[in-house]
Amino acid sequence: MKVLKILLVVLIAVAGTVGWRWFQYVSNTVSPYDEVGIALNSRMPGPINKWGCDKLHAQFDSALPPYGCQAGNGRQWR
């Protein structure tokens, strides 16, 4: 039972860390091309990925979309 509690705490800590890192990426104002942020956002489920891409697009309208937010020929935002 103690191992299960430790495993649960570790799982929650990892999920919180990954979630926070992803949120920092989509709400940043420096660059949409952070490698870790791109990897996290591209692996998020559909609605979460779309929300992140929309948030990035609003901040970096004139920039090329990062991987995971591309549509068409890779130069258009989804």
C-alpha atoms as a PDB file:
ATOM      1  CA  MET A   1       0.000   0.000   0.000  1.00  0.00           C
ATOM      2  CA  LYS A   2       2.863   2.377   0.786  1.00  0.00           C
ATOM      3  CA  VAL A   3       4.414   1.768  -2.640  1.00  0.00           C
ATOM      4  CA  LEU A   4       1.104   2.659  -4.281  1.00  0.00           C
ATOM      5  CA  LYS A   5       0.975   5.962  -2.379  1.00  0.00           C
ATOM      6  CA  ILE A   6       4.535   6.819  -3.390  1.00  0.00           C
ATOM      7  CA  LEU A   7       3.794   5.933  -7.004  1.00  0.00           C
ATOM      8  CA  LEU A   8       0.677   8.122  -6.944  1.00  0.00           C
ATOM      9  CA  VAL A   9       2.601  11.087  -5.523  1.00  0.00           C
ATOM     10  CA  VAL A  10       5.322  10.693  -8.162  1.00  0.00           C
ATOM     11  CA  LEU A  11       2.714  10.441 -10.931  1.00  0.00           C
ATOM     12  CA  ILE A  12       0.952  13.597  -9.739  1.00  0.00           C
ATOM     13  CA  ALA A  13       4.267  15.450  -9.471  1.00  0.00           C
ATOM     14  CA  VAL A  14       5.277  14.472 -13.010  1.00  0.00           C
ATOM     15  CA  ALA A  15       1.859  15.430 -14.421  1.00  0.00           C
ATOM     16  CA  GLY A  16       2.011  18.772 -12.624  1.00  0.00           C
ATOM     17  CA  THR A  17       5.524  19.496 -13.858  1.00  0.00           C
ATOM     18  CA  VAL A  18       4.708  18.583 -17.464  1.00  0.00           C
ATOM     19  CA  GLY A  19       1.459  20.568 -17.346  1.00  0.00           C
ATOM     20  CA  TRP A  20       3.163  23.627 -15.907  1.00  0.00           C
ATOM     21  CA  ARG A  21       5.974  23.465 -18.484  1.00  0.00           C
ATOM     22  CA  TRP A  22       3.424  23.207 -21.315  1.00  0.00           C
ATOM     23  CA  PHE A  23       1.412  26.149 -19.941  1.00  0.00           C
ATOM     24  CA  GLN A  24       4.559  28.258 -19.673  1.00  0.00           C
ATOM     25  CA  TYR A  25       5.268  27.530 -23.346  1.00  0.00           C
ATOM     26  CA  VAL A  26       1.831  28.426 -24.707  1.00  0.00           C
ATOM     27  CA  SER A  27       1.585  31.579 -22.596  1.00  0.00           C
ATOM     28  CA  ASN A  28       5.115  32.851 -23.297  1.00  0.00           C
ATOM     29  CA  THR A  29       5.846  36.077 -25.130  1.00  0.00           C
ATOM     30  CA  VAL A  30       9.398  35.360 -26.263  1.00  0.00           C
ATOM     31  CA  SER A  31       9.327  32.726 -29.000  1.00  0.00           C
ATOM     32  CA  PRO A  32       7.014  29.983 -30.288  1.00  0.00           C
ATOM     33  CA  TYR A  33      10.033  27.813 -31.174  1.00  0.00           C
ATOM     34  CA  ASP A  34      11.011  26.349 -27.792  1.00  0.00           C
ATOM     35  CA  GLU A  35      11.891  22.701 -28.498  1.00  0.00           C
ATOM     36  CA  VAL A  36      10.507  21.253 -25.268  1.00  0.00           C
ATOM     37  CA  GLY A  37       7.320  23.295 -25.528  1.00  0.00           C
ATOM     38  CA  ILE A  38       6.774  22.246 -29.139  1.00  0.00           C
ATOM     39  CA  ALA A  39       7.217  18.590 -28.210  1.00  0.00           C
ATOM     40  CA  LEU A  40       4.786  18.848 -25.303  1.00  0.00           C
ATOM     41  CA  ASN A  41       2.157  20.793 -27.250  1.00  0.00           C
ATOM     42  CA  SER A  42       2.294  18.477 -30.262  1.00  0.00           C
ATOM     43  CA  ARG A  43       1.608  15.482 -27.997  1.00  0.00           C
ATOM     44  CA  MET A  44      -1.354  17.034 -26.174  1.00  0.00           C
ATOM     45  CA  PRO A  45      -4.859  15.720 -26.923  1.00  0.00           C
ATOM     46  CA  GLY A  46      -6.765  17.520 -29.691  1.00  0.00           C
ATOM     47  CA  PRO A  47      -8.704  20.208 -27.780  1.00  0.00           C
ATOM     48  CA  ILE A  48      -5.758  21.049 -25.516  1.00  0.00           C
ATOM     49  CA  ASN A  49      -3.382  21.219 -28.494  1.00  0.00           C
ATOM     50  CA  LYS A  50      -5.815  23.479 -30.363  1.00  0.00           C
ATOM     51  CA  TRP A  51      -6.160  25.796 -27.373  1.00  0.00           C
ATOM     52  CA  GLY A  52      -2.364  26.006 -27.081  1.00  0.00           C
ATOM     53  CA  CYS A  53      -1.975  26.671 -30.812  1.00  0.00           C
ATOM     54  CA  ASP A  54      -4.681  29.353 -30.702  1.00  0.00           C
ATOM     55  CA  LYS A  55      -2.927  31.031 -27.780  1.00  0.00           C
ATOM     56  CA  LEU A  56       0.435  30.932 -29.603  1.00  0.00           C
ATOM     57  CA  HIS A  57      -1.164  32.202 -32.820  1.00  0.00           C
ATOM     58  CA  ALA A  58      -2.662  35.166 -30.982  1.00  0.00           C
ATOM     59  CA  GLN A  59       0.777  36.107 -29.635  1.00  0.00           C
ATOM     60  CA  PHE A  60       2.877  35.317 -32.722  1.00  0.00           C
ATOM     61  CA  ASP A  61       0.523  36.032 -35.624  1.00  0.00           C
ATOM     62  CA  SER A  62       3.243  36.874 -38.152  1.00  0.00           C
ATOM     63  CA  ALA A  63       5.560  33.952 -37.260  1.00  0.00           C
ATOM     64  CA  LEU A  64       5.562  30.566 -38.932  1.00  0.00           C
ATOM     65  CA  PRO A  65       3.628  28.030 -36.859  1.00  0.00           C
ATOM     66  CA  PRO A  66       5.638  25.516 -34.817  1.00  0.00           C
ATOM     67  CA  TYR A  67       5.263  21.783 -35.349  1.00  0.00           C
ATOM     68  CA  GLY A  68       1.871  20.628 -34.114  1.00  0.00           C
ATOM     69  CA  CYS A  69       0.168  23.896 -35.060  1.00  0.00           C
ATOM     70  CA  GLN A  70       0.735  23.715 -38.807  1.00  0.00           C
ATOM     71  CA  ALA A  71      -1.933  23.280 -41.439  1.00  0.00           C
ATOM     72  CA  GLY A  72      -1.802  22.931 -45.190  1.00  0.00           C
ATOM     73  CA  ASN A  73       1.671  23.603 -46.516  1.00  0.00           C
ATOM     74  CA  GLY A  74       3.260  24.114 -43.074  1.00  0.00           C
ATOM     75  CA  ARG A  75       3.139  27.897 -43.352  1.00  0.00           C
ATOM     76  CA  GLN A  76      -0.432  28.281 -42.120  1.00  0.00           C
ATOM     77  CA  TRP A  77      -1.761  28.094 -38.582  1.00  0.00           C
ATOM     78  CA  ARG A  78      -4.540  25.621 -37.812  1.00  0.00           C
END
